[in-house]
Amino acid sequence: MVVGVMGAMPEEIEPILARLQDVKKHEIADNIYYTALYGSLDLVIAYSKIGKVFSALTASTMIEKFGAQKMLFSGVAGAIDPDLKIGDLIAATKLCQHDLDITAFGHPYGYVPEGKVYVEADPRLLEIAARVAHERGITLKRGIVATGDQFVADPARKEWIGKTFDAAALEMEGAAVAVVCDALDIPFFILRAISDAADMDAGFDFDAFLESSSAVSADFLFAMLDAVDQDK
């Protein structure tokens, strides 16, 4: 089985690559893809670069060029739900595009004709993630994740996204990956570590957090890969 493993930034895939042997590099569509064997799984790994276009391109390439049959994505997200704190892990149950707006034509926010507002993550992968979290004593929260091509720092905008989409967190790639996987019938899972929240302190070091959260997320994904390898 071929499994795609994605992040948006180099730091999000570095701890994954560090644990693999005989990694091969492939340059396609102005990006680098890495392949390696893990157990009986063929992995294809890449960071997409930030935003919906790049993440959709990367997911499509993994599926069409490398034959990915499942997709796992990990990265960071901002909290909307006040119960989410810095460092919390959240699994997206479904994803939407908060910046997609053709309401002038009578459609709801996040919708385009022949599309849908929400794309649901794979139930089996969510179940595996819940089991991994339980076995490791990790609190894995679940909720709707909203995606848009903008870093949202305005509290009023965050509140609007939360109310409009019932979203718990927001980021810049997940829904694009979800749309691609949904269209091509590829089961997917999106894991996010909360990097900013209402209670964050002014001395917060994002670079240090990114390094530590990427290591935690990598451990979690490898445990999921072990389960997927046994589950197939």
C-alpha atoms as a PDB file:
ATOM      1  CA  MET A   1       0.000   0.000   0.000  1.00  0.00           C
ATOM      2  CA  VAL A   2       1.189   3.500  -0.850  1.00  0.00           C
ATOM      3  CA  VAL A   3       0.546   6.130   1.828  1.00  0.00           C
ATOM      4  CA  GLY A   4       1.076   9.851   1.344  1.00  0.00           C
ATOM      5  CA  VAL A   5       2.404  11.848   4.301  1.00  0.00           C
ATOM      6  CA  MET A   6       2.195  15.614   3.991  1.00  0.00           C
ATOM      7  CA  GLY A   7       3.076  18.779   5.858  1.00  0.00           C
ATOM      8  CA  ALA A   8       2.985  22.394   4.747  1.00  0.00           C
ATOM      9  CA  MET A   9       6.497  23.366   5.880  1.00  0.00           C
ATOM     10  CA  PRO A  10       9.893  21.600   5.850  1.00  0.00           C
ATOM     11  CA  GLU A  11       9.946  21.450   9.662  1.00  0.00           C
ATOM     12  CA  GLU A  12       6.765  19.352   9.613  1.00  0.00           C
ATOM     13  CA  ILE A  13       8.294  16.498   7.617  1.00  0.00           C
ATOM     14  CA  GLU A  14      11.896  16.606   8.865  1.00  0.00           C
ATOM     15  CA  PRO A  15      11.274  14.385  11.931  1.00  0.00           C
ATOM     16  CA  ILE A  16       9.456  11.915   9.675  1.00  0.00           C
ATOM     17  CA  LEU A  17      12.287  11.686   7.171  1.00  0.00           C
ATOM     18  CA  ALA A  18      14.811  11.360  10.013  1.00  0.00           C
ATOM     19  CA  ARG A  19      13.264   8.050  11.064  1.00  0.00           C
ATOM     20  CA  LEU A  20      13.344   6.442   7.631  1.00  0.00           C
ATOM     21  CA  GLN A  21      16.123   4.642   5.777  1.00  0.00           C
ATOM     22  CA  ASP A  22      17.039   4.540   2.096  1.00  0.00           C
ATOM     23  CA  VAL A  23      15.019   7.659   1.326  1.00  0.00           C
ATOM     24  CA  LYS A  24      14.866   8.569  -2.350  1.00  0.00           C
ATOM     25  CA  LYS A  25      14.253  12.078  -3.699  1.00  0.00           C
ATOM     26  CA  HIS A  26      12.088  12.914  -6.717  1.00  0.00           C
ATOM     27  CA  GLU A  27      11.732  16.406  -8.194  1.00  0.00           C
ATOM     28  CA  ILE A  28       8.309  16.969  -9.763  1.00  0.00           C
ATOM     29  CA  ALA A  29       6.277  20.128 -10.402  1.00  0.00           C
ATOM     30  CA  ASP A  30       8.747  22.430  -8.632  1.00  0.00           C
ATOM     31  CA  ASN A  31       8.702  20.368  -5.445  1.00  0.00           C
ATOM     32  CA  ILE A  32      10.630  17.494  -3.881  1.00  0.00           C
ATOM     33  CA  TYR A  33       8.943  14.213  -2.983  1.00  0.00           C
ATOM     34  CA  TYR A  34      10.597  11.568  -0.849  1.00  0.00           C
ATOM     35  CA  THR A  35       9.886   7.854  -1.022  1.00  0.00           C
ATOM     36  CA  ALA A  36      10.838   5.167   1.470  1.00  0.00           C
ATOM     37  CA  LEU A  37       9.663   1.809   2.740  1.00  0.00           C
ATOM     38  CA  TYR A  38       8.184   1.632   6.238  1.00  0.00           C
ATOM     39  CA  GLY A  39       7.173  -1.859   7.282  1.00  0.00           C
ATOM     40  CA  SER A  40       5.259  -3.080   4.251  1.00  0.00           C
ATOM     41  CA  LEU A  41       4.045   0.436   3.405  1.00  0.00           C
ATOM     42  CA  ASP A  42       5.466   2.481   0.569  1.00  0.00           C
ATOM     43  CA  LEU A  43       5.566   6.063   1.813  1.00  0.00           C
ATOM     44  CA  VAL A  44       5.633   9.211  -0.295  1.00  0.00           C
ATOM     45  CA  ILE A  45       6.408  12.284   1.774  1.00  0.00           C
ATOM     46  CA  ALA A  46       6.455  15.992   0.949  1.00  0.00           C
ATOM     47  CA  TYR A  47       5.879  19.446   2.325  1.00  0.00           C
ATOM     48  CA  SER A  48       3.545  21.297   0.030  1.00  0.00           C
ATOM     49  CA  LYS A  49       4.439  24.902   0.833  1.00  0.00           C
ATOM     50  CA  ILE A  50       1.814  27.080   2.470  1.00  0.00           C
ATOM     51  CA  GLY A  51      -1.693  27.591   1.067  1.00  0.00           C
ATOM     52  CA  LYS A  52      -4.502  25.826  -0.725  1.00  0.00           C
ATOM     53  CA  VAL A  53      -3.072  25.817  -4.264  1.00  0.00           C
ATOM     54  CA  PHE A  54       0.261  24.277  -3.294  1.00  0.00           C
ATOM     55  CA  SER A  55      -1.327  21.716  -0.986  1.00  0.00           C
ATOM     56  CA  ALA A  56      -3.838  20.663  -3.659  1.00  0.00           C
ATOM     57  CA  LEU A  57      -1.016  20.337  -6.191  1.00  0.00           C
ATOM     58  CA  THR A  58       1.056  18.239  -3.795  1.00  0.00           C
ATOM     59  CA  ALA A  59      -1.816  15.948  -2.842  1.00  0.00           C
ATOM     60  CA  SER A  60      -2.748  15.472  -6.513  1.00  0.00           C
ATOM     61  CA  THR A  61       0.845  14.647  -7.428  1.00  0.00           C
ATOM     62  CA  MET A  62       1.123  12.102  -4.630  1.00  0.00           C
ATOM     63  CA  ILE A  63      -2.012  10.373  -5.831  1.00  0.00           C
ATOM     64  CA  GLU A  64      -1.559  10.607  -9.605  1.00  0.00           C
ATOM     65  CA  LYS A  65       2.234  10.246  -9.900  1.00  0.00           C
ATOM     66  CA  PHE A  66       3.050   8.044  -6.899  1.00  0.00           C
ATOM     67  CA  GLY A  67      -0.195   6.102  -6.508  1.00  0.00           C
ATOM     68  CA  ALA A  68      -0.972   7.155  -2.918  1.00  0.00           C
ATOM     69  CA  GLN A  69      -3.951   5.157  -1.611  1.00  0.00           C
ATOM     70  CA  LYS A  70      -4.301   6.946   1.738  1.00  0.00           C
ATOM     71  CA  MET A  71      -3.282  10.445   2.806  1.00  0.00           C
ATOM     72  CA  LEU A  72      -2.070  11.640   6.212  1.00  0.00           C
ATOM     73  CA  PHE A  73      -1.413  15.345   6.799  1.00  0.00           C
ATOM     74  CA  SER A  74       0.012  16.989   9.902  1.00  0.00           C
ATOM     75  CA  GLY A  75       0.741  20.598  10.749  1.00  0.00           C
ATOM     76  CA  VAL A  76      -0.223  23.477  13.002  1.00  0.00           C
ATOM     77  CA  ALA A  77      -3.469  25.417  13.347  1.00  0.00           C
ATOM     78  CA  GLY A  78      -4.945  28.350  15.204  1.00  0.00           C
ATOM     79  CA  ALA A  79      -7.652  27.796  17.787  1.00  0.00           C
ATOM     80  CA  ILE A  80     -11.182  29.126  17.441  1.00  0.00           C
ATOM     81  CA  ASP A  81     -12.776  26.953  20.130  1.00  0.00           C
ATOM     82  CA  PRO A  82     -11.748  28.494  23.482  1.00  0.00           C
ATOM     83  CA  ASP A  83     -11.325  25.003  24.918  1.00  0.00           C
ATOM     84  CA  LEU A  84      -8.345  24.431  22.602  1.00  0.00           C
ATOM     85  CA  LYS A  85      -4.992  25.340  24.132  1.00  0.00           C
ATOM     86  CA  ILE A  86      -1.503  25.651  22.688  1.00  0.00           C
ATOM     87  CA  GLY A  87      -0.066  22.182  22.111  1.00  0.00           C
ATOM     88  CA  ASP A  88      -3.444  20.413  21.887  1.00  0.00           C
ATOM     89  CA  LEU A  89      -3.847  17.931  19.031  1.00  0.00           C
ATOM     90  CA  ILE A  90      -7.026  18.035  16.975  1.00  0.00           C
ATOM     91  CA  ALA A  91      -8.167  15.606  14.301  1.00  0.00           C
ATOM     92  CA  ALA A  92     -10.374  17.160  11.647  1.00  0.00           C
ATOM     93  CA  THR A  93     -13.731  15.389  11.401  1.00  0.00           C
ATOM     94  CA  LYS A  94     -14.553  17.509   8.363  1.00  0.00           C
ATOM     95  CA  LEU A  95     -13.081  20.520   6.619  1.00  0.00           C
ATOM     96  CA  CYS A  96     -14.353  23.622   4.850  1.00  0.00           C
ATOM     97  CA  GLN A  97     -12.996  26.666   2.994  1.00  0.00           C
ATOM     98  CA  HIS A  98     -13.817  29.763   5.016  1.00  0.00           C
ATOM     99  CA  ASP A  99     -12.599  32.159   2.311  1.00  0.00           C
ATOM    100  CA  LEU A 100     -14.699  30.696  -0.508  1.00  0.00           C
ATOM    101  CA  ASP A 101     -17.498  33.197  -1.081  1.00  0.00           C
ATOM    102  CA  ILE A 102     -20.047  33.277  -3.894  1.00  0.00           C
ATOM    103  CA  THR A 103     -22.895  34.258  -1.609  1.00  0.00           C
ATOM    104  CA  ALA A 104     -23.773  36.978  -4.138  1.00  0.00           C
ATOM    105  CA  PHE A 105     -25.288  34.175  -6.231  1.00  0.00           C
ATOM    106  CA  GLY A 106     -27.375  32.801  -3.366  1.00  0.00           C
ATOM    107  CA  HIS A 107     -25.002  30.068  -2.222  1.00  0.00           C
ATOM    108  CA  PRO A 108     -23.805  29.540   1.365  1.00  0.00           C
ATOM    109  CA  TYR A 109     -20.270  30.459   2.386  1.00  0.00           C
ATOM    110  CA  GLY A 110     -17.770  27.768   1.459  1.00  0.00           C
ATOM    111  CA  TYR A 111     -19.865  26.322  -1.374  1.00  0.00           C
ATOM    112  CA  VAL A 112     -19.508  26.220  -5.142  1.00  0.00           C
ATOM    113  CA  PRO A 113     -21.928  24.490  -7.536  1.00  0.00           C
ATOM    114  CA  GLU A 114     -21.220  20.749  -7.833  1.00  0.00           C
ATOM    115  CA  GLY A 115     -19.141  21.019  -4.658  1.00  0.00           C
ATOM    116  CA  LYS A 116     -20.023  20.948  -0.983  1.00  0.00           C
ATOM    117  CA  VAL A 117     -19.322  23.071   2.064  1.00  0.00           C
ATOM    118  CA  TYR A 118     -17.790  20.259   4.148  1.00  0.00           C
ATOM    119  CA  VAL A 119     -15.574  17.328   3.199  1.00  0.00           C
ATOM    120  CA  GLU A 120     -15.543  14.532   5.778  1.00  0.00           C
ATOM    121  CA  ALA A 121     -12.367  12.792   6.890  1.00  0.00           C
ATOM    122  CA  ASP A 122     -12.146   9.018   6.625  1.00  0.00           C
ATOM    123  CA  PRO A 123     -14.003   7.352   9.544  1.00  0.00           C
ATOM    124  CA  ARG A 124     -11.599   4.410   9.697  1.00  0.00           C
ATOM    125  CA  LEU A 125      -8.524   6.649   9.937  1.00  0.00           C
ATOM    126  CA  LEU A 126     -10.263   8.714  12.619  1.00  0.00           C
ATOM    127  CA  GLU A 127     -10.961   5.486  14.500  1.00  0.00           C
ATOM    128  CA  ILE A 128      -7.309   4.424  14.212  1.00  0.00           C
ATOM    129  CA  ALA A 129      -6.213   7.863  15.463  1.00  0.00           C
ATOM    130  CA  ALA A 130      -8.539   7.612  18.455  1.00  0.00           C
ATOM    131  CA  ARG A 131      -7.124   4.191  19.312  1.00  0.00           C
ATOM    132  CA  VAL A 132      -3.532   5.436  18.990  1.00  0.00           C
ATOM    133  CA  ALA A 133      -4.304   8.405  21.236  1.00  0.00           C
ATOM    134  CA  HIS A 134      -5.911   6.163  23.853  1.00  0.00           C
ATOM    135  CA  GLU A 135      -3.009   3.705  23.839  1.00  0.00           C
ATOM    136  CA  ARG A 136      -0.517   6.549  24.281  1.00  0.00           C
ATOM    137  CA  GLY A 137      -2.479   8.474  26.867  1.00  0.00           C
ATOM    138  CA  ILE A 138      -2.808  11.461  24.535  1.00  0.00           C
ATOM    139  CA  THR A 139      -5.857  13.699  24.459  1.00  0.00           C
ATOM    140  CA  LEU A 140      -6.867  13.937  20.807  1.00  0.00           C
ATOM    141  CA  LYS A 141      -9.648  16.405  20.241  1.00  0.00           C
ATOM    142  CA  ARG A 142     -11.930  16.313  17.215  1.00  0.00           C
ATOM    143  CA  GLY A 143     -13.742  19.029  15.341  1.00  0.00           C
ATOM    144  CA  ILE A 144     -14.368  20.938  12.150  1.00  0.00           C
ATOM    145  CA  VAL A 145     -11.291  22.637  10.711  1.00  0.00           C
ATOM    146  CA  ALA A 146     -11.634  25.673   8.438  1.00  0.00           C
ATOM    147  CA  THR A 147      -9.079  26.443   5.719  1.00  0.00           C
ATOM    148  CA  GLY A 148      -8.300  29.686   3.925  1.00  0.00           C
ATOM    149  CA  ASP A 149      -5.515  31.448   2.054  1.00  0.00           C
ATOM    150  CA  GLN A 150      -4.925  33.951   4.810  1.00  0.00           C
ATOM    151  CA  PHE A 151      -3.353  33.984   8.245  1.00  0.00           C
ATOM    152  CA  VAL A 152      -6.249  35.054  10.461  1.00  0.00           C
ATOM    153  CA  ALA A 153      -5.212  37.150  13.443  1.00  0.00           C
ATOM    154  CA  ASP A 154      -8.370  39.260  13.799  1.00  0.00           C
ATOM    155  CA  PRO A 155     -10.537  38.012  16.700  1.00  0.00           C
ATOM    156  CA  ALA A 156     -13.726  39.181  14.973  1.00  0.00           C
ATOM    157  CA  ARG A 157     -12.874  37.206  11.831  1.00  0.00           C
ATOM    158  CA  LYS A 158     -12.080  34.122  13.922  1.00  0.00           C
ATOM    159  CA  GLU A 159     -15.413  34.461  15.687  1.00  0.00           C
ATOM    160  CA  TRP A 160     -17.225  34.756  12.344  1.00  0.00           C
ATOM    161  CA  ILE A 161     -15.525  31.626  11.002  1.00  0.00           C
ATOM    162  CA  GLY A 162     -16.391  29.749  14.162  1.00  0.00           C
ATOM    163  CA  LYS A 163     -20.060  30.729  14.039  1.00  0.00           C
ATOM    164  CA  THR A 164     -20.480  30.365  10.269  1.00  0.00           C
ATOM    165  CA  PHE A 165     -18.874  26.940   9.950  1.00  0.00           C
ATOM    166  CA  ASP A 166     -19.030  25.639  13.546  1.00  0.00           C
ATOM    167  CA  ALA A 167     -15.240  25.390  13.221  1.00  0.00           C
ATOM    168  CA  ALA A 168     -12.938  24.582  16.120  1.00  0.00           C
ATOM    169  CA  ALA A 169      -9.667  25.566  14.406  1.00  0.00           C
ATOM    170  CA  LEU A 170      -8.350  27.166  11.246  1.00  0.00           C
ATOM    171  CA  GLU A 171      -5.336  26.730   8.989  1.00  0.00           C
ATOM    172  CA  MET A 172      -4.270  27.147   5.353  1.00  0.00           C
ATOM    173  CA  GLU A 173      -4.110  23.718   3.643  1.00  0.00           C
ATOM    174  CA  GLY A 174      -6.386  21.002   5.022  1.00  0.00           C
ATOM    175  CA  ALA A 175      -9.581  21.569   3.060  1.00  0.00           C
ATOM    176  CA  ALA A 176      -7.676  21.702  -0.232  1.00  0.00           C
ATOM    177  CA  VAL A 177      -6.143  18.300   0.514  1.00  0.00           C
ATOM    178  CA  ALA A 178      -9.595  17.078   1.537  1.00  0.00           C
ATOM    179  CA  VAL A 179     -11.212  18.236  -1.724  1.00  0.00           C
ATOM    180  CA  VAL A 180      -8.568  16.461  -3.807  1.00  0.00           C
ATOM    181  CA  CYS A 181      -8.783  13.241  -1.804  1.00  0.00           C
ATOM    182  CA  ASP A 182     -12.585  13.304  -1.840  1.00  0.00           C
ATOM    183  CA  ALA A 183     -12.686  13.793  -5.619  1.00  0.00           C
ATOM    184  CA  LEU A 184     -10.220  10.947  -6.201  1.00  0.00           C
ATOM    185  CA  ASP A 185     -11.751   8.632  -3.554  1.00  0.00           C
ATOM    186  CA  ILE A 186      -8.657   8.574  -1.325  1.00  0.00           C
ATOM    187  CA  PRO A 187      -9.186   8.158   2.447  1.00  0.00           C
ATOM    188  CA  PHE A 188      -7.520  11.015   4.325  1.00  0.00           C
ATOM    189  CA  PHE A 189      -6.715  12.193   7.843  1.00  0.00           C
ATOM    190  CA  ILE A 190      -5.731  15.714   8.962  1.00  0.00           C
ATOM    191  CA  LEU A 191      -3.887  16.185  12.274  1.00  0.00           C
ATOM    192  CA  ARG A 192      -3.222  19.663  13.662  1.00  0.00           C
ATOM    193  CA  ALA A 193      -1.303  20.907  16.692  1.00  0.00           C
ATOM    194  CA  ILE A 194      -2.662  24.155  18.091  1.00  0.00           C
ATOM    195  CA  SER A 195      -0.006  26.866  17.751  1.00  0.00           C
ATOM    196  CA  ASP A 196      -1.978  29.933  18.792  1.00  0.00           C
ATOM    197  CA  ALA A 197      -4.940  30.389  21.092  1.00  0.00           C
ATOM    198  CA  ALA A 198      -6.738  33.059  23.059  1.00  0.00           C
ATOM    199  CA  ASP A 199      -4.578  32.387  26.108  1.00  0.00           C
ATOM    200  CA  MET A 200      -1.174  32.456  24.387  1.00  0.00           C
ATOM    201  CA  ASP A 201       1.486  34.500  26.115  1.00  0.00           C
ATOM    202  CA  ALA A 202       3.467  37.283  24.463  1.00  0.00           C
ATOM    203  CA  GLY A 203       6.746  35.397  24.882  1.00  0.00           C
ATOM    204  CA  PHE A 204       5.580  32.434  22.787  1.00  0.00           C
ATOM    205  CA  ASP A 205       8.331  31.168  20.456  1.00  0.00           C
ATOM    206  CA  PHE A 206       6.666  29.816  17.305  1.00  0.00           C
ATOM    207  CA  ASP A 207       9.851  28.314  15.828  1.00  0.00           C
ATOM    208  CA  ALA A 208      10.539  26.339  19.006  1.00  0.00           C
ATOM    209  CA  PHE A 209       6.911  25.223  19.137  1.00  0.00           C
ATOM    210  CA  LEU A 210       6.984  24.131  15.491  1.00  0.00           C
ATOM    211  CA  GLU A 211      10.026  21.948  16.131  1.00  0.00           C
ATOM    212  CA  SER A 212       8.555  20.323  19.237  1.00  0.00           C
ATOM    213  CA  SER A 213       5.032  19.887  17.844  1.00  0.00           C
ATOM    214  CA  SER A 214       6.393  18.386  14.617  1.00  0.00           C
ATOM    215  CA  ALA A 215       8.245  15.760  16.640  1.00  0.00           C
ATOM    216  CA  VAL A 216       5.068  14.930  18.618  1.00  0.00           C
ATOM    217  CA  SER A 217       2.999  14.774  15.425  1.00  0.00           C
ATOM    218  CA  ALA A 218       5.601  12.559  13.736  1.00  0.00           C
ATOM    219  CA  ASP A 219       5.440  10.089  16.629  1.00  0.00           C
ATOM    220  CA  PHE A 220       1.672  10.081  16.357  1.00  0.00           C
ATOM    221  CA  LEU A 221       1.724   9.540  12.582  1.00  0.00           C
ATOM    222  CA  PHE A 222       4.199   6.665  12.844  1.00  0.00           C
ATOM    223  CA  ALA A 223       1.910   4.975  15.357  1.00  0.00           C
ATOM    224  CA  MET A 224      -0.935   5.450  12.898  1.00  0.00           C
ATOM    225  CA  LEU A 225       1.192   4.039  10.080  1.00  0.00           C
ATOM    226  CA  ASP A 226       1.918   0.966  12.211  1.00  0.00           C
ATOM    227  CA  ALA A 227      -1.825   0.523  12.702  1.00  0.00           C
ATOM    228  CA  VAL A 228      -2.573   1.088   9.007  1.00  0.00           C
ATOM    229  CA  ASP A 229       0.100  -1.475   8.103  1.00  0.00           C
ATOM    230  CA  GLN A 230      -1.596  -4.047  10.348  1.00  0.00           C
ATOM    231  CA  ASP A 231      -5.093  -2.999   9.293  1.00  0.00           C
ATOM    232  CA  LYS A 232      -4.737  -3.300   5.528  1.00  0.00           C
END
